[in-house]
Amino acid sequence: MAYRKLGRNMGHRGAMLRNLATSLLKHERIETTEARAKEVNAIAEKMITLGKQGDLAARRHAMSYLMEEDVVTKLFETIAPKYADRQGGYTRIMKVGYRRGDAAEMVLIELV
């Protein structure tokens, strides 16, 4: 799924992206590095598209990827209807600055 390795092995990278996607949909805004944000952006777009479909198969597919059941409920009941007339572009990435420890570029990714 991911074409950036992000300094992790395959299992760790997959779990990290699932956690980031779940957190983004739960809090509607997270701060992370630019590379991670670009990866989770594609995942969040796909999850919102599943939410717009709204059928049982889409709900089960989202539930198999996202970590928390209440986030899936929020996705299908509040987030997806908000974007019913929008054809993609559900997230925004804004640069915040550089992390103090290693000077990694930090960004704020949020739902539009």
PDB file of N, CA and C in Angstrom:
ATOM      1  N   MET A   1       0.825  -1.194   0.000  1.00  0.00           N
ATOM      2  CA  MET A   1       0.000   0.000   0.000  1.00  0.00           C
ATOM      3  C   MET A   1       0.865   1.252   0.000  1.00  0.00           C
ATOM      4  N   ALA A   2       1.823   1.314   0.904  1.00  0.00           N
ATOM      5  CA  ALA A   2       2.648   2.511   1.014  1.00  0.00           C
ATOM      6  C   ALA A   2       3.882   2.384   0.144  1.00  0.00           C
ATOM      7  N   TYR A   3       4.240   3.461  -0.510  1.00  0.00           N
ATOM      8  CA  TYR A   3       5.453   3.418  -1.299  1.00  0.00           C
ATOM      9  C   TYR A   3       6.589   4.145  -0.604  1.00  0.00           C
ATOM     10  N   ARG A   4       6.354   4.714   0.561  1.00  0.00           N
ATOM     11  CA  ARG A   4       7.416   5.250   1.388  1.00  0.00           C
ATOM     12  C   ARG A   4       7.653   4.268   2.522  1.00  0.00           C
ATOM     13  N   LYS A   5       8.902   3.979   2.812  1.00  0.00           N
ATOM     14  CA  LYS A   5       9.192   3.007   3.862  1.00  0.00           C
ATOM     15  C   LYS A   5       9.121   3.610   5.255  1.00  0.00           C
ATOM     16  N   LEU A   6       9.381   4.901   5.374  1.00  0.00           N
ATOM     17  CA  LEU A   6       9.260   5.629   6.635  1.00  0.00           C
ATOM     18  C   LEU A   6      10.149   5.063   7.739  1.00  0.00           C
ATOM     19  N   GLY A   7      11.214   4.377   7.376  1.00  0.00           N
ATOM     20  CA  GLY A   7      12.150   3.860   8.360  1.00  0.00           C
ATOM     21  C   GLY A   7      11.588   2.746   9.221  1.00  0.00           C
ATOM     22  N   ARG A   8      10.580   2.057   8.746  1.00  0.00           N
ATOM     23  CA  ARG A   8       9.941   0.987   9.514  1.00  0.00           C
ATOM     24  C   ARG A   8       9.889  -0.284   8.669  1.00  0.00           C
ATOM     25  N   ASN A   9       9.792  -1.426   9.340  1.00  0.00           N
ATOM     26  CA  ASN A   9       9.549  -2.642   8.568  1.00  0.00           C
ATOM     27  C   ASN A   9       8.060  -2.715   8.212  1.00  0.00           C
ATOM     28  N   MET A  10       7.678  -3.694   7.418  1.00  0.00           N
ATOM     29  CA  MET A  10       6.352  -3.704   6.822  1.00  0.00           C
ATOM     30  C   MET A  10       5.222  -3.738   7.863  1.00  0.00           C
ATOM     31  N   GLY A  11       5.351  -4.591   8.866  1.00  0.00           N
ATOM     32  CA  GLY A  11       4.295  -4.697   9.870  1.00  0.00           C
ATOM     33  C   GLY A  11       4.155  -3.438  10.708  1.00  0.00           C
ATOM     34  N   HIS A  12       5.285  -2.881  11.113  1.00  0.00           N
ATOM     35  CA  HIS A  12       5.266  -1.670  11.932  1.00  0.00           C
ATOM     36  C   HIS A  12       4.705  -0.498  11.137  1.00  0.00           C
ATOM     37  N   ARG A  13       5.107  -0.400   9.877  1.00  0.00           N
ATOM     38  CA  ARG A  13       4.632   0.691   9.025  1.00  0.00           C
ATOM     39  C   ARG A  13       3.119   0.603   8.829  1.00  0.00           C
ATOM     40  N   GLY A  14       2.618  -0.596   8.578  1.00  0.00           N
ATOM     41  CA  GLY A  14       1.176  -0.768   8.396  1.00  0.00           C
ATOM     42  C   GLY A  14       0.392  -0.409   9.638  1.00  0.00           C
ATOM     43  N   ALA A  15       0.885  -0.843  10.800  1.00  0.00           N
ATOM     44  CA  ALA A  15       0.199  -0.529  12.056  1.00  0.00           C
ATOM     45  C   ALA A  15       0.246   0.962  12.345  1.00  0.00           C
ATOM     46  N   MET A  16       1.384   1.600  12.054  1.00  0.00           N
ATOM     47  CA  MET A  16       1.511   3.040  12.295  1.00  0.00           C
ATOM     48  C   MET A  16       0.532   3.819  11.425  1.00  0.00           C
ATOM     49  N   LEU A  17       0.400   3.440  10.163  1.00  0.00           N
ATOM     50  CA  LEU A  17      -0.515   4.141   9.266  1.00  0.00           C
ATOM     51  C   LEU A  17      -1.968   3.921   9.665  1.00  0.00           C
ATOM     52  N   ARG A  18      -2.293   2.708  10.129  1.00  0.00           N
ATOM     53  CA  ARG A  18      -3.648   2.453  10.615  1.00  0.00           C
ATOM     54  C   ARG A  18      -3.956   3.317  11.835  1.00  0.00           C
ATOM     55  N   ASN A  19      -2.986   3.434  12.748  1.00  0.00           N
ATOM     56  CA  ASN A  19      -3.177   4.275  13.926  1.00  0.00           C
ATOM     57  C   ASN A  19      -3.319   5.745  13.543  1.00  0.00           C
ATOM     58  N   LEU A  20      -2.503   6.213  12.600  1.00  0.00           N
ATOM     59  CA  LEU A  20      -2.591   7.607  12.176  1.00  0.00           C
ATOM     60  C   LEU A  20      -3.942   7.892  11.520  1.00  0.00           C
ATOM     61  N   ALA A  21      -4.406   6.987  10.672  1.00  0.00           N
ATOM     62  CA  ALA A  21      -5.695   7.182  10.011  1.00  0.00           C
ATOM     63  C   ALA A  21      -6.831   7.197  11.034  1.00  0.00           C
ATOM     64  N   THR A  22      -6.770   6.292  11.995  1.00  0.00           N
ATOM     65  CA  THR A  22      -7.790   6.257  13.040  1.00  0.00           C
ATOM     66  C   THR A  22      -7.777   7.549  13.855  1.00  0.00           C
ATOM     67  N   SER A  23      -6.596   8.030  14.212  1.00  0.00           N
ATOM     68  CA  SER A  23      -6.492   9.263  14.992  1.00  0.00           C
ATOM     69  C   SER A  23      -6.975  10.472  14.198  1.00  0.00           C
ATOM     70  N   LEU A  24      -6.654  10.501  12.904  1.00  0.00           N
ATOM     71  CA  LEU A  24      -7.094  11.629  12.084  1.00  0.00           C
ATOM     72  C   LEU A  24      -8.615  11.682  12.008  1.00  0.00           C
ATOM     73  N   LEU A  25      -9.255  10.543  11.815  1.00  0.00           N
ATOM     74  CA  LEU A  25     -10.719  10.534  11.727  1.00  0.00           C
ATOM     75  C   LEU A  25     -11.367  10.765  13.092  1.00  0.00           C
ATOM     76  N   LYS A  26     -10.681  10.374  14.157  1.00  0.00           N
ATOM     77  CA  LYS A  26     -11.226  10.555  15.499  1.00  0.00           C
ATOM     78  C   LYS A  26     -11.146  12.017  15.940  1.00  0.00           C
ATOM     79  N   HIS A  27      -9.974  12.639  15.743  1.00  0.00           N
ATOM     80  CA  HIS A  27      -9.760  13.996  16.234  1.00  0.00           C
ATOM     81  C   HIS A  27      -9.926  15.051  15.147  1.00  0.00           C
ATOM     82  N   GLU A  28     -10.014  14.641  13.895  1.00  0.00           N
ATOM     83  CA  GLU A  28     -10.174  15.488  12.715  1.00  0.00           C
ATOM     84  C   GLU A  28      -8.978  16.398  12.459  1.00  0.00           C
ATOM     85  N   ARG A  29      -7.915  16.261  13.226  1.00  0.00           N
ATOM     86  CA  ARG A  29      -6.694  17.051  13.031  1.00  0.00           C
ATOM     87  C   ARG A  29      -5.567  16.418  13.847  1.00  0.00           C
ATOM     88  N   ILE A  30      -4.424  16.165  13.198  1.00  0.00           N
ATOM     89  CA  ILE A  30      -3.263  15.635  13.902  1.00  0.00           C
ATOM     90  C   ILE A  30      -2.005  16.331  13.391  1.00  0.00           C
ATOM     91  N   GLU A  31      -0.984  16.347  14.229  1.00  0.00           N
ATOM     92  CA  GLU A  31       0.307  16.892  13.839  1.00  0.00           C
ATOM     93  C   GLU A  31       1.290  15.743  13.708  1.00  0.00           C
ATOM     94  N   THR A  32       1.967  15.661  12.570  1.00  0.00           N
ATOM     95  CA  THR A  32       2.894  14.580  12.300  1.00  0.00           C
ATOM     96  C   THR A  32       3.937  15.070  11.300  1.00  0.00           C
ATOM     97  N   THR A  33       4.834  14.189  10.890  1.00  0.00           N
ATOM     98  CA  THR A  33       5.839  14.596   9.914  1.00  0.00           C
ATOM     99  C   THR A  33       5.216  14.652   8.522  1.00  0.00           C
ATOM    100  N   GLU A  34       5.888  15.336   7.615  1.00  0.00           N
ATOM    101  CA  GLU A  34       5.342  15.530   6.276  1.00  0.00           C
ATOM    102  C   GLU A  34       5.199  14.212   5.525  1.00  0.00           C
ATOM    103  N   ALA A  35       6.190  13.334   5.623  1.00  0.00           N
ATOM    104  CA  ALA A  35       6.132  12.061   4.899  1.00  0.00           C
ATOM    105  C   ALA A  35       4.980  11.200   5.403  1.00  0.00           C
ATOM    106  N   ARG A  36       4.795  11.131   6.712  1.00  0.00           N
ATOM    107  CA  ARG A  36       3.692  10.351   7.273  1.00  0.00           C
ATOM    108  C   ARG A  36       2.350  10.952   6.876  1.00  0.00           C
ATOM    109  N   ALA A  37       2.266  12.273   6.863  1.00  0.00           N
ATOM    110  CA  ALA A  37       1.012  12.928   6.511  1.00  0.00           C
ATOM    111  C   ALA A  37       0.625  12.638   5.071  1.00  0.00           C
ATOM    112  N   LYS A  38       1.605  12.618   4.170  1.00  0.00           N
ATOM    113  CA  LYS A  38       1.301  12.337   2.774  1.00  0.00           C
ATOM    114  C   LYS A  38       0.815  10.905   2.591  1.00  0.00           C
ATOM    115  N   GLU A  39       1.327   9.989   3.387  1.00  0.00           N
ATOM    116  CA  GLU A  39       0.871   8.600   3.307  1.00  0.00           C
ATOM    117  C   GLU A  39      -0.533   8.440   3.888  1.00  0.00           C
ATOM    118  N   VAL A  40      -0.768   9.036   5.052  1.00  0.00           N
ATOM    119  CA  VAL A  40      -2.071   8.874   5.703  1.00  0.00           C
ATOM    120  C   VAL A  40      -3.151   9.652   4.953  1.00  0.00           C
ATOM    121  N   ASN A  41      -2.755  10.634   4.173  1.00  0.00           N
ATOM    122  CA  ASN A  41      -3.701  11.398   3.366  1.00  0.00           C
ATOM    123  C   ASN A  41      -4.466  10.482   2.413  1.00  0.00           C
ATOM    124  N   ALA A  42      -3.749   9.637   1.699  1.00  0.00           N
ATOM    125  CA  ALA A  42      -4.393   8.724   0.743  1.00  0.00           C
ATOM    126  C   ALA A  42      -5.324   7.746   1.457  1.00  0.00           C
ATOM    127  N   ILE A  43      -4.900   7.268   2.615  1.00  0.00           N
ATOM    128  CA  ILE A  43      -5.719   6.314   3.367  1.00  0.00           C
ATOM    129  C   ILE A  43      -7.004   6.981   3.863  1.00  0.00           C
ATOM    130  N   ALA A  44      -6.890   8.197   4.384  1.00  0.00           N
ATOM    131  CA  ALA A  44      -8.066   8.906   4.895  1.00  0.00           C
ATOM    132  C   ALA A  44      -9.052   9.196   3.765  1.00  0.00           C
ATOM    133  N   GLU A  45      -8.540   9.566   2.597  1.00  0.00           N
ATOM    134  CA  GLU A  45      -9.424   9.819   1.451  1.00  0.00           C
ATOM    135  C   GLU A  45     -10.218   8.558   1.106  1.00  0.00           C
ATOM    136  N   LYS A  46      -9.550   7.413   1.108  1.00  0.00           N
ATOM    137  CA  LYS A  46     -10.233   6.152   0.781  1.00  0.00           C
ATOM    138  C   LYS A  46     -11.272   5.792   1.835  1.00  0.00           C
ATOM    139  N   MET A  47     -10.954   6.046   3.110  1.00  0.00           N
ATOM    140  CA  MET A  47     -11.911   5.734   4.175  1.00  0.00           C
ATOM    141  C   MET A  47     -13.149   6.622   4.067  1.00  0.00           C
ATOM    142  N   ILE A  48     -12.968   7.896   3.750  1.00  0.00           N
ATOM    143  CA  ILE A  48     -14.121   8.790   3.616  1.00  0.00           C
ATOM    144  C   ILE A  48     -14.958   8.391   2.405  1.00  0.00           C
ATOM    145  N   THR A  49     -14.306   7.953   1.340  1.00  0.00           N
ATOM    146  CA  THR A  49     -15.051   7.462   0.177  1.00  0.00           C
ATOM    147  C   THR A  49     -15.864   6.226   0.540  1.00  0.00           C
ATOM    148  N   LEU A  50     -15.297   5.346   1.355  1.00  0.00           N
ATOM    149  CA  LEU A  50     -16.069   4.193   1.842  1.00  0.00           C
ATOM    150  C   LEU A  50     -17.268   4.664   2.659  1.00  0.00           C
ATOM    151  N   GLY A  51     -17.049   5.671   3.487  1.00  0.00           N
ATOM    152  CA  GLY A  51     -18.145   6.207   4.290  1.00  0.00           C
ATOM    153  C   GLY A  51     -19.248   6.790   3.439  1.00  0.00           C
ATOM    154  N   LYS A  52     -18.886   7.379   2.306  1.00  0.00           N
ATOM    155  CA  LYS A  52     -19.897   7.948   1.412  1.00  0.00           C
ATOM    156  C   LYS A  52     -20.716   6.853   0.736  1.00  0.00           C
ATOM    157  N   GLN A  53     -20.119   5.675   0.519  1.00  0.00           N
ATOM    158  CA  GLN A  53     -20.887   4.563  -0.057  1.00  0.00           C
ATOM    159  C   GLN A  53     -21.984   4.127   0.902  1.00  0.00           C
ATOM    160  N   GLY A  54     -21.624   3.996   2.171  1.00  0.00           N
ATOM    161  CA  GLY A  54     -22.609   3.807   3.216  1.00  0.00           C
ATOM    162  C   GLY A  54     -23.236   2.435   3.344  1.00  0.00           C
ATOM    163  N   ASP A  55     -22.851   1.470   2.522  1.00  0.00           N
ATOM    164  CA  ASP A  55     -23.471   0.153   2.637  1.00  0.00           C
ATOM    165  C   ASP A  55     -22.715  -0.713   3.652  1.00  0.00           C
ATOM    166  N   LEU A  56     -23.259  -1.890   3.898  1.00  0.00           N
ATOM    167  CA  LEU A  56     -22.702  -2.775   4.911  1.00  0.00           C
ATOM    168  C   LEU A  56     -21.306  -3.261   4.532  1.00  0.00           C
ATOM    169  N   ALA A  57     -21.085  -3.548   3.270  1.00  0.00           N
ATOM    170  CA  ALA A  57     -19.771  -4.018   2.831  1.00  0.00           C
ATOM    171  C   ALA A  57     -18.712  -2.944   3.045  1.00  0.00           C
ATOM    172  N   ALA A  58     -19.060  -1.688   2.771  1.00  0.00           N
ATOM    173  CA  ALA A  58     -18.118  -0.585   2.986  1.00  0.00           C
ATOM    174  C   ALA A  58     -17.836  -0.402   4.474  1.00  0.00           C
ATOM    175  N   ARG A  59     -18.864  -0.537   5.307  1.00  0.00           N
ATOM    176  CA  ARG A  59     -18.678  -0.412   6.755  1.00  0.00           C
ATOM    177  C   ARG A  59     -17.762  -1.519   7.280  1.00  0.00           C
ATOM    178  N   ARG A  60     -17.935  -2.726   6.786  1.00  0.00           N
ATOM    179  CA  ARG A  60     -17.076  -3.837   7.222  1.00  0.00           C
ATOM    180  C   ARG A  60     -15.645  -3.652   6.740  1.00  0.00           C
ATOM    181  N   HIS A  61     -15.480  -3.124   5.537  1.00  0.00           N
ATOM    182  CA  HIS A  61     -14.140  -2.869   5.015  1.00  0.00           C
ATOM    183  C   HIS A  61     -13.438  -1.805   5.861  1.00  0.00           C
ATOM    184  N   ALA A  62     -14.145  -0.746   6.214  1.00  0.00           N
ATOM    185  CA  ALA A  62     -13.575   0.299   7.061  1.00  0.00           C
ATOM    186  C   ALA A  62     -13.264  -0.245   8.454  1.00  0.00           C
ATOM    187  N   MET A  63     -14.142  -1.090   8.966  1.00  0.00           N
ATOM    188  CA  MET A  63     -13.933  -1.674  10.291  1.00  0.00           C
ATOM    189  C   MET A  63     -12.722  -2.588  10.302  1.00  0.00           C
ATOM    190  N   SER A  64     -12.431  -3.237   9.175  1.00  0.00           N
ATOM    191  CA  SER A  64     -11.267  -4.119   9.129  1.00  0.00           C
ATOM    192  C   SER A  64      -9.966  -3.326   9.108  1.00  0.00           C
ATOM    193  N   TYR A  65     -10.019  -2.060   8.704  1.00  0.00           N
ATOM    194  CA  TYR A  65      -8.795  -1.260   8.638  1.00  0.00           C
ATOM    195  C   TYR A  65      -8.625  -0.357   9.855  1.00  0.00           C
ATOM    196  N   LEU A  66      -9.673   0.344  10.246  1.00  0.00           N
ATOM    197  CA  LEU A  66      -9.578   1.282  11.367  1.00  0.00           C
ATOM    198  C   LEU A  66      -9.575   0.522  12.683  1.00  0.00           C
ATOM    199  N   MET A  67      -8.973   1.127  13.703  1.00  0.00           N
ATOM    200  CA  MET A  67      -8.735   0.439  14.970  1.00  0.00           C
ATOM    201  C   MET A  67      -9.909   0.484  15.947  1.00  0.00           C
ATOM    202  N   GLU A  68     -10.779   1.483  15.835  1.00  0.00           N
ATOM    203  CA  GLU A  68     -11.827   1.663  16.832  1.00  0.00           C
ATOM    204  C   GLU A  68     -13.195   1.689  16.173  1.00  0.00           C
ATOM    205  N   GLU A  69     -14.133   0.987  16.793  1.00  0.00           N
ATOM    206  CA  GLU A  69     -15.476   0.893  16.232  1.00  0.00           C
ATOM    207  C   GLU A  69     -16.216   2.234  16.291  1.00  0.00           C
ATOM    208  N   ASP A  70     -15.981   3.016  17.345  1.00  0.00           N
ATOM    209  CA  ASP A  70     -16.660   4.309  17.433  1.00  0.00           C
ATOM    210  C   ASP A  70     -16.163   5.290  16.368  1.00  0.00           C
ATOM    211  N   VAL A  71     -14.926   5.125  15.895  1.00  0.00           N
ATOM    212  CA  VAL A  71     -14.416   5.962  14.805  1.00  0.00           C
ATOM    213  C   VAL A  71     -15.115   5.604  13.499  1.00  0.00           C
ATOM    214  N   VAL A  72     -15.385   4.312  13.298  1.00  0.00           N
ATOM    215  CA  VAL A  72     -16.112   3.880  12.094  1.00  0.00           C
ATOM    216  C   VAL A  72     -17.532   4.443  12.133  1.00  0.00           C
ATOM    217  N   THR A  73     -18.158   4.413  13.294  1.00  0.00           N
ATOM    218  CA  THR A  73     -19.494   4.980  13.441  1.00  0.00           C
ATOM    219  C   THR A  73     -19.480   6.473  13.152  1.00  0.00           C
ATOM    220  N   LYS A  74     -18.493   7.177  13.687  1.00  0.00           N
ATOM    221  CA  LYS A  74     -18.366   8.612  13.425  1.00  0.00           C
ATOM    222  C   LYS A  74     -18.142   8.875  11.943  1.00  0.00           C
ATOM    223  N   LEU A  75     -17.320   8.044  11.302  1.00  0.00           N
ATOM    224  CA  LEU A  75     -17.037   8.193   9.871  1.00  0.00           C
ATOM    225  C   LEU A  75     -18.307   8.085   9.045  1.00  0.00           C
ATOM    226  N   PHE A  76     -19.122   7.082   9.323  1.00  0.00           N
ATOM    227  CA  PHE A  76     -20.304   6.840   8.511  1.00  0.00           C
ATOM    228  C   PHE A  76     -21.466   7.762   8.860  1.00  0.00           C
ATOM    229  N   GLU A  77     -21.560   8.232  10.113  1.00  0.00           N
ATOM    230  CA  GLU A  77     -22.715   9.022  10.510  1.00  0.00           C
ATOM    231  C   GLU A  77     -22.501  10.527  10.462  1.00  0.00           C
ATOM    232  N   THR A  78     -21.271  11.008  10.706  1.00  0.00           N
ATOM    233  CA  THR A  78     -21.065  12.457  10.725  1.00  0.00           C
ATOM    234  C   THR A  78     -20.080  12.956   9.671  1.00  0.00           C
ATOM    235  N   ILE A  79     -18.968  12.260   9.484  1.00  0.00           N
ATOM    236  CA  ILE A  79     -17.936  12.764   8.568  1.00  0.00           C
ATOM    237  C   ILE A  79     -18.347  12.607   7.110  1.00  0.00           C
ATOM    238  N   ALA A  80     -18.758  11.411   6.709  1.00  0.00           N
ATOM    239  CA  ALA A  80     -19.082  11.152   5.296  1.00  0.00           C
ATOM    240  C   ALA A  80     -20.250  11.993   4.776  1.00  0.00           C
ATOM    241  N   PRO A  81     -21.350  12.167   5.525  1.00  0.00           N
ATOM    242  CA  PRO A  81     -22.428  13.023   5.005  1.00  0.00           C
ATOM    243  C   PRO A  81     -22.002  14.470   4.782  1.00  0.00           C
ATOM    244  N   LYS A  82     -21.004  14.919   5.537  1.00  0.00           N
ATOM    245  CA  LYS A  82     -20.500  16.276   5.376  1.00  0.00           C
ATOM    246  C   LYS A  82     -19.873  16.488   3.993  1.00  0.00           C
ATOM    247  N   TYR A  83     -19.307  15.397   3.423  1.00  0.00           N
ATOM    248  CA  TYR A  83     -18.634  15.480   2.129  1.00  0.00           C
ATOM    249  C   TYR A  83     -19.443  14.834   1.013  1.00  0.00           C
ATOM    250  N   ALA A  84     -20.747  14.736   1.162  1.00  0.00           N
ATOM    251  CA  ALA A  84     -21.581  14.032   0.183  1.00  0.00           C
ATOM    252  C   ALA A  84     -21.507  14.646  -1.203  1.00  0.00           C
ATOM    253  N   ASP A  85     -21.373  15.964  -1.290  1.00  0.00           N
ATOM    254  CA  ASP A  85     -21.360  16.625  -2.593  1.00  0.00           C
ATOM    255  C   ASP A  85     -19.942  16.965  -3.052  1.00  0.00           C
ATOM    256  N   ARG A  86     -18.933  16.486  -2.345  1.00  0.00           N
ATOM    257  CA  ARG A  86     -17.542  16.806  -2.680  1.00  0.00           C
ATOM    258  C   ARG A  86     -16.880  15.612  -3.353  1.00  0.00           C
ATOM    259  N   GLN A  87     -16.145  15.856  -4.437  1.00  0.00           N
ATOM    260  CA  GLN A  87     -15.507  14.781  -5.206  1.00  0.00           C
ATOM    261  C   GLN A  87     -14.024  14.677  -4.851  1.00  0.00           C
ATOM    262  N   GLY A  88     -13.715  14.306  -3.627  1.00  0.00           N
ATOM    263  CA  GLY A  88     -12.327  14.152  -3.210  1.00  0.00           C
ATOM    264  C   GLY A  88     -11.790  15.422  -2.589  1.00  0.00           C
ATOM    265  N   GLY A  89     -10.533  15.365  -2.147  1.00  0.00           N
ATOM    266  CA  GLY A  89      -9.912  16.514  -1.509  1.00  0.00           C
ATOM    267  C   GLY A  89     -10.488  16.787  -0.137  1.00  0.00           C
ATOM    268  N   TYR A  90     -10.552  15.748   0.690  1.00  0.00           N
ATOM    269  CA  TYR A  90     -11.179  15.882   2.001  1.00  0.00           C
ATOM    270  C   TYR A  90     -10.199  16.341   3.072  1.00  0.00           C
ATOM    271  N   THR A  91      -8.900  16.317   2.782  1.00  0.00           N
ATOM    272  CA  THR A  91      -7.908  16.659   3.788  1.00  0.00           C
ATOM    273  C   THR A  91      -7.043  17.828   3.325  1.00  0.00           C
ATOM    274  N   ARG A  92      -6.432  18.484   4.290  1.00  0.00           N
ATOM    275  CA  ARG A  92      -5.546  19.620   4.034  1.00  0.00           C
ATOM    276  C   ARG A  92      -4.273  19.401   4.842  1.00  0.00           C
ATOM    277  N   ILE A  93      -3.117  19.659   4.214  1.00  0.00           N
ATOM    278  CA  ILE A  93      -1.829  19.550   4.892  1.00  0.00           C
ATOM    279  C   ILE A  93      -1.212  20.940   4.958  1.00  0.00           C
ATOM    280  N   MET A  94      -0.941  21.403   6.186  1.00  0.00           N
ATOM    281  CA  MET A  94      -0.338  22.724   6.384  1.00  0.00           C
ATOM    282  C   MET A  94       0.984  22.559   7.131  1.00  0.00           C
ATOM    283  N   LYS A  95       2.023  23.185   6.624  1.00  0.00           N
ATOM    284  CA  LYS A  95       3.335  23.096   7.257  1.00  0.00           C
ATOM    285  C   LYS A  95       3.340  23.933   8.539  1.00  0.00           C
ATOM    286  N   VAL A  96       3.932  23.356   9.588  1.00  0.00           N
ATOM    287  CA  VAL A  96       3.947  24.003  10.895  1.00  0.00           C
ATOM    288  C   VAL A  96       5.340  24.521  11.232  1.00  0.00           C
ATOM    289  N   GLY A  97       6.358  23.752  10.932  1.00  0.00           N
ATOM    290  CA  GLY A  97       7.731  24.135  11.281  1.00  0.00           C
ATOM    291  C   GLY A  97       8.588  22.890  11.322  1.00  0.00           C
ATOM    292  N   TYR A  98       9.659  22.965  12.083  1.00  0.00           N
ATOM    293  CA  TYR A  98      10.587  21.853  12.183  1.00  0.00           C
ATOM    294  C   TYR A  98      10.612  21.326  13.607  1.00  0.00           C
ATOM    295  N   ARG A  99      10.731  20.009  13.737  1.00  0.00           N
ATOM    296  CA  ARG A  99      10.792  19.381  15.051  1.00  0.00           C
ATOM    297  C   ARG A  99      12.129  19.706  15.694  1.00  0.00           C
ATOM    298  N   ARG A 100      12.114  19.954  16.973  1.00  0.00           N
ATOM    299  CA  ARG A 100      13.314  20.398  17.675  1.00  0.00           C
ATOM    300  C   ARG A 100      14.403  19.326  17.713  1.00  0.00           C
ATOM    301  N   GLY A 101      14.037  18.085  17.894  1.00  0.00           N
ATOM    302  CA  GLY A 101      15.031  17.026  18.091  1.00  0.00           C
ATOM    303  C   GLY A 101      15.844  16.694  16.855  1.00  0.00           C
ATOM    304  N   ASP A 102      15.181  16.507  15.723  1.00  0.00           N
ATOM    305  CA  ASP A 102      15.892  16.060  14.523  1.00  0.00           C
ATOM    306  C   ASP A 102      15.614  16.939  13.307  1.00  0.00           C
ATOM    307  N   ALA A 103      14.934  18.043  13.494  1.00  0.00           N
ATOM    308  CA  ALA A 103      14.633  19.007  12.421  1.00  0.00           C
ATOM    309  C   ALA A 103      13.788  18.397  11.312  1.00  0.00           C
ATOM    310  N   ALA A 104      12.961  17.420  11.649  1.00  0.00           N
ATOM    311  CA  ALA A 104      12.027  16.876  10.663  1.00  0.00           C
ATOM    312  C   ALA A 104      10.913  17.892  10.445  1.00  0.00           C
ATOM    313  N   GLU A 105      10.470  18.015   9.203  1.00  0.00           N
ATOM    314  CA  GLU A 105       9.432  18.996   8.908  1.00  0.00           C
ATOM    315  C   GLU A 105       8.086  18.485   9.423  1.00  0.00           C
ATOM    316  N   MET A 106       7.469  19.278  10.286  1.00  0.00           N
ATOM    317  CA  MET A 106       6.194  18.902  10.886  1.00  0.00           C
ATOM    318  C   MET A 106       5.054  19.591  10.143  1.00  0.00           C
ATOM    319  N   VAL A 107       3.940  18.869  10.019  1.00  0.00           N
ATOM    320  CA  VAL A 107       2.772  19.410   9.348  1.00  0.00           C
ATOM    321  C   VAL A 107       1.535  19.119  10.179  1.00  0.00           C
ATOM    322  N   LEU A 108       0.495  19.865   9.891  1.00  0.00           N
ATOM    323  CA  LEU A 108      -0.810  19.654  10.504  1.00  0.00           C
ATOM    324  C   LEU A 108      -1.714  19.134   9.400  1.00  0.00           C
ATOM    325  N   ILE A 109      -2.230  17.917   9.554  1.00  0.00           N
ATOM    326  CA  ILE A 109      -3.162  17.374   8.573  1.00  0.00           C
ATOM    327  C   ILE A 109      -4.536  17.383   9.215  1.00  0.00           C
ATOM    328  N   GLU A 110      -5.513  17.928   8.491  1.00  0.00           N
ATOM    329  CA  GLU A 110      -6.850  18.057   9.046  1.00  0.00           C
ATOM    330  C   GLU A 110      -7.888  17.803   7.965  1.00  0.00           C
ATOM    331  N   LEU A 111      -9.098  17.495   8.403  1.00  0.00           N
ATOM    332  CA  LEU A 111     -10.207  17.351   7.479  1.00  0.00           C
ATOM    333  C   LEU A 111     -10.698  18.736   7.101  1.00  0.00           C
ATOM    334  N   VAL A 112     -11.001  18.937   5.835  1.00  0.00           N
ATOM    335  CA  VAL A 112     -11.424  20.250   5.343  1.00  0.00           C
ATOM    336  C   VAL A 112     -12.834  20.554   5.823  1.00  0.00           C
TER     337      VAL A 112
END
